[in-house]
Protein backbone atom coordinates (compact mmCIF):
# COMPACT_ATOMS: atom_id res chain seq x y z
CA MET A 1 7.80 -3.73 -20.31
CA GLU A 2 4.50 -5.07 -19.08
CA HIS A 3 3.29 -4.46 -15.54
CA ILE A 4 1.71 -7.51 -13.94
CA LEU A 5 -1.23 -7.80 -11.57
CA MET A 6 0.23 -9.16 -8.34
CA GLU A 7 -1.15 -12.38 -6.92
CA LEU A 8 -2.77 -12.08 -3.54
CA PRO A 9 -0.59 -13.49 -0.74
CA TYR A 10 -3.59 -15.44 0.61
CA GLU A 11 -6.75 -17.15 -0.62
CA MET A 12 -9.75 -15.10 -1.73
CA ASP A 13 -11.76 -16.14 1.34
CA ALA A 14 -8.89 -15.81 3.82
CA LEU A 15 -9.85 -12.36 5.16
CA ALA A 16 -13.47 -13.27 5.93
CA PRO A 17 -15.52 -12.36 7.87
CA TYR A 18 -13.88 -8.92 7.97
CA ILE A 19 -13.46 -8.65 4.19
CA SER A 20 -15.51 -11.06 2.14
CA GLU A 21 -14.46 -13.20 -0.78
CA GLU A 22 -16.88 -11.25 -2.96
CA THR A 23 -15.16 -7.98 -2.08
CA LEU A 24 -11.72 -9.43 -2.80
CA ARG A 25 -12.82 -10.79 -6.18
CA TYR A 26 -14.20 -7.40 -7.24
CA HIS A 27 -11.49 -5.30 -5.61
CA HIS A 28 -8.51 -7.33 -6.81
CA GLY A 29 -9.90 -8.92 -9.95
CA LYS A 30 -11.77 -5.91 -11.32
CA HIS A 31 -10.52 -2.63 -9.80
CA HIS A 32 -6.85 -3.46 -9.22
CA ALA A 33 -6.62 -5.38 -12.47
CA GLY A 34 -8.25 -2.46 -14.25
CA TYR A 35 -5.52 -0.06 -13.10
CA VAL A 36 -2.78 -2.42 -14.26
CA ASN A 37 -4.40 -2.98 -17.65
CA LYS A 38 -5.05 0.73 -18.21
CA LEU A 39 -1.48 1.57 -17.24
CA ASN A 40 -0.06 -0.89 -19.75
CA ALA A 41 -2.31 0.50 -22.48
CA LEU A 42 -1.43 4.13 -21.67
CA ILE A 43 2.35 3.69 -21.61
CA LYS A 44 2.62 1.63 -24.78
CA ASP A 45 5.00 3.34 -27.25
CA THR A 46 5.72 6.20 -24.82
CA GLU A 47 8.75 7.25 -22.79
CA TYR A 48 7.23 5.47 -19.79
CA GLU A 49 7.11 2.05 -21.41
CA GLU A 50 10.53 0.98 -20.12
CA MET A 51 10.25 2.62 -16.68
CA SER A 52 9.63 0.91 -13.37
CA LEU A 53 6.37 1.62 -11.58
CA GLU A 54 8.06 3.98 -9.13
CA GLN A 55 9.82 5.89 -11.91
CA ILE A 56 6.48 6.39 -13.65
CA ILE A 57 4.93 7.70 -10.43
CA HIS A 58 7.72 10.25 -10.01
CA GLN A 59 7.82 11.41 -13.62
CA SER A 60 4.24 11.31 -14.92
CA ASP A 61 0.92 13.05 -14.34
CA GLY A 62 -2.69 12.68 -15.38
CA ALA A 63 -4.07 9.26 -16.28
CA ILE A 64 -0.66 7.59 -16.43
CA PHE A 65 0.21 8.77 -12.92
CA ASN A 66 -3.22 7.79 -11.57
CA ASN A 67 -3.05 4.23 -12.85
CA ALA A 68 0.60 3.73 -11.86
CA ALA A 69 0.01 5.07 -8.36
CA GLN A 70 -3.15 3.04 -7.91
CA THR A 71 -1.27 -0.07 -8.98
CA PHE A 72 1.43 0.61 -6.37
CA ASN A 73 -1.09 1.53 -3.66
CA HIS A 74 -3.11 -1.63 -4.17
CA ASP A 75 -0.01 -3.84 -4.27
CA PHE A 76 1.01 -2.42 -0.91
CA TYR A 77 -2.52 -2.61 0.55
CA TRP A 78 -2.80 -6.35 -0.06
CA LYS A 79 0.54 -6.93 1.67
CA CYS A 80 -0.58 -4.87 4.67
CA LEU A 81 -3.34 -7.40 5.37
CA SER A 82 -2.92 -10.83 6.92
CA PRO A 83 -5.41 -13.61 7.65
CA THR A 84 -3.33 -14.60 10.69
CA LYS A 85 -2.96 -12.48 13.80
CA THR A 86 0.33 -10.59 14.05
CA GLU A 87 1.80 -8.14 16.55
CA PRO A 88 4.15 -5.15 16.21
CA SER A 89 7.77 -5.92 17.02
CA GLU A 90 9.12 -4.59 20.31
CA LEU A 91 11.14 -1.90 18.52
CA PHE A 92 8.25 -0.80 16.31
CA LEU A 93 5.80 -0.77 19.23
CA LYS A 94 8.17 1.42 21.21
CA ALA A 95 8.35 3.91 18.32
CA LEU A 96 4.55 3.99 18.02
CA GLU A 97 4.20 4.59 21.75
CA GLU A 98 6.82 7.34 21.74
CA THR A 99 5.14 9.08 18.80
CA PHE A 100 1.46 8.62 19.56
CA GLY A 101 1.39 7.81 23.28
CA SER A 102 0.17 4.23 22.93
CA LEU A 103 -0.79 1.66 20.32
CA LYS A 104 -4.44 2.38 21.11
CA ALA A 105 -3.92 6.10 20.53
CA PHE A 106 -2.19 5.37 17.22
CA LYS A 107 -5.09 3.19 16.07
CA GLU A 108 -7.57 5.90 17.04
CA ALA A 109 -5.64 8.61 15.18
CA PHE A 110 -5.18 6.43 12.10
CA THR A 111 -8.87 5.50 12.13
CA GLN A 112 -9.90 9.14 12.34
CA ALA A 113 -7.62 10.01 9.42
CA ALA A 114 -9.21 7.24 7.36
CA ILE A 115 -12.78 8.14 8.29
CA GLY A 116 -12.10 11.85 7.80
CA GLN A 117 -10.63 11.48 4.32
CA PHE A 118 -13.25 13.19 2.16
CA GLY A 119 -14.20 11.08 -0.82
CA SER A 120 -11.87 8.46 -2.23
CA GLY A 121 -8.37 7.99 -0.91
CA TRP A 122 -5.99 6.26 1.44
CA ALA A 123 -4.76 6.43 5.04
CA TRP A 124 -1.08 5.77 5.68
CA LEU A 125 1.47 5.40 8.42
CA VAL A 126 4.75 6.66 6.98
CA ILE A 127 8.30 7.34 8.05
CA ASP A 128 10.57 10.07 6.69
CA GLU A 129 14.35 10.23 6.25
CA HIS A 130 14.67 11.55 9.80
CA GLU A 131 12.91 8.43 11.09
CA LYS A 132 9.86 10.41 12.14
CA LEU A 133 6.57 8.50 12.12
CA PHE A 134 3.37 10.24 11.12
CA ILE A 135 -0.09 9.56 9.75
CA GLN A 136 -1.04 10.86 6.34
CA ALA A 137 -4.28 10.79 4.37
CA THR A 138 -4.10 11.11 0.58
CA SER A 139 -6.87 11.66 -1.92
CA ASN A 140 -7.57 9.62 -5.02
CA ALA A 141 -4.34 7.98 -6.27
CA HIS A 142 -1.82 10.08 -4.37
CA THR A 143 0.87 8.16 -2.52
CA PRO A 144 3.63 9.05 -0.01
CA ILE A 145 6.35 7.79 -2.32
CA GLU A 146 5.72 10.88 -4.45
CA HIS A 147 7.45 12.77 -1.64
CA HIS A 148 10.11 10.15 -0.87
CA LEU A 149 8.34 8.95 2.26
CA THR A 150 8.40 5.27 3.17
CA PRO A 151 4.98 3.71 3.79
CA LEU A 152 4.64 1.29 6.69
CA LEU A 153 0.89 0.74 6.71
CA ILE A 154 -2.00 1.61 4.41
CA CYS A 155 -5.79 1.41 4.41
CA ASP A 156 -7.85 1.80 1.26
CA VAL A 157 -10.87 4.04 1.83
CA TRP A 158 -12.19 4.08 -1.71
CA GLU A 159 -15.76 2.81 -1.49
CA HIS A 160 -14.99 -0.21 -3.66
CA ALA A 161 -12.80 -1.47 -0.78
CA TYR A 162 -15.73 -1.86 1.59
CA TYR A 163 -19.13 -1.09 0.01
CA ILE A 164 -20.14 -4.72 -0.62
CA ASP A 165 -19.53 -5.65 3.02
CA TYR A 166 -20.32 -2.41 4.86
CA ARG A 167 -22.26 -0.22 2.40
CA ASN A 168 -21.45 3.38 3.37
CA GLU A 169 -20.30 2.54 6.93
CA ARG A 170 -16.63 3.43 6.61
CA ALA A 171 -16.28 3.52 10.39
CA LYS A 172 -17.43 -0.12 10.65
CA TYR A 173 -14.96 -1.09 7.94
CA MET A 174 -12.18 0.62 9.90
CA GLU A 175 -13.18 -1.17 13.09
CA ASN A 176 -12.74 -4.49 11.28
CA PHE A 177 -9.53 -3.40 9.55
CA TRP A 178 -7.40 -3.77 12.68
CA PRO A 179 -7.74 -7.56 13.14
CA LEU A 180 -6.27 -7.94 9.63
CA VAL A 181 -3.26 -5.63 9.94
CA ASN A 182 0.03 -7.26 9.01
CA TRP A 183 2.11 -5.86 11.85
CA GLU A 184 4.96 -8.19 10.97
CA GLN A 185 5.45 -6.52 7.61
CA ALA A 186 5.18 -2.99 9.03
CA SER A 187 7.73 -3.90 11.73
CA LYS A 188 10.21 -5.24 9.18
CA ILE A 189 9.94 -2.13 7.01
CA PHE A 190 10.38 0.12 10.06
CA GLU A 191 13.45 -1.77 11.25
CA ASN A 192 15.15 -1.63 7.86
CA LYS A 193 16.85 1.75 8.16
CA GLU A 194 18.62 1.44 4.82
CA TYR A 195 15.37 1.90 2.95
CA LEU A 196 14.37 5.21 4.56
CA ARG A 197 15.88 7.26 1.73
CA LEU A 198 13.80 6.56 -1.34
CA SER A 199 15.24 7.61 -4.68
CA THR A 200 13.52 8.36 -7.93
CA THR A 201 15.55 5.63 -9.60
CA VAL A 202 14.38 2.97 -7.11
CA PRO A 203 17.36 0.61 -7.44
CA PHE A 204 17.35 -3.01 -6.37
CA CYS A 205 17.20 -3.15 -2.57
CA ASN A 206 18.95 -6.53 -2.22
CA ASP A 207 17.61 -7.02 1.29
CA PRO A 208 15.66 -10.29 1.73
CA ASP A 209 14.31 -9.18 5.12
CA ASN A 210 12.62 -6.00 3.86
CA PRO A 211 9.13 -6.69 2.45
CA ILE A 212 9.03 -3.45 0.44
CA CYS A 213 12.44 -4.28 -1.05
CA GLU A 214 11.19 -7.77 -1.77
CA TYR A 215 8.17 -6.31 -3.55
CA LEU A 216 10.25 -3.84 -5.58
CA ASP A 217 12.84 -6.45 -6.49
CA ASP A 218 10.21 -8.97 -7.57
CA MET A 219 8.47 -6.32 -9.64
CA SER A 220 11.75 -5.33 -11.29
CA ARG A 221 12.51 -8.97 -12.08
CA GLN A 222 9.03 -9.45 -13.56
CA ASP A 223 9.52 -6.35 -15.67
CA THR A 224 12.84 -7.71 -16.90
CA ILE A 225 11.29 -11.07 -17.75
CA ASN A 226 8.51 -9.37 -19.69
CA THR A 227 10.76 -7.08 -21.75
């Protein structure tokens, strides 16, 4: 099966002035596309060729893992951004306040995790099977789904995500990340308790209200169409 570069859920200039059209064209059209293309080339005629993206992440290593994980991470990153202002749901906000003290304190802790990630990587808000929220930073291509954690929010801190707009000022990039956060998506994922237990098989979720399920289902359908 062929893995497909996802279309952005907004126009290339929709995130300006926080993230420029030039950055989106390079980040999505060059870097993200490069991971997808490399993955397809690497898995051709291998045991991974008929696997879903999540199955590849769980069962591979080396270059195949890196390109599969980076494909997943970028797919999720684009969906965590929104050109329109959103707010956390009441239930999700309450959980953030109970865990971190306040929404402001959460943002500060998440920002510090992102800034403090040495070199390339990602900052995440995740939830485990016990419904515990916590912040996690991962290096390079690593992703929480390796450990059956459900991501709620992600920020890309590879330099290609921000260098055109902010040069080496990762802190400035993080300051301007917050106006773009898609709180609506994070709230929906948090409130969908059925998806807290990820499996290595990653079956169809069949839940139209869960954006991660929607993403996985769409991807599975695309894979089926392209087989």
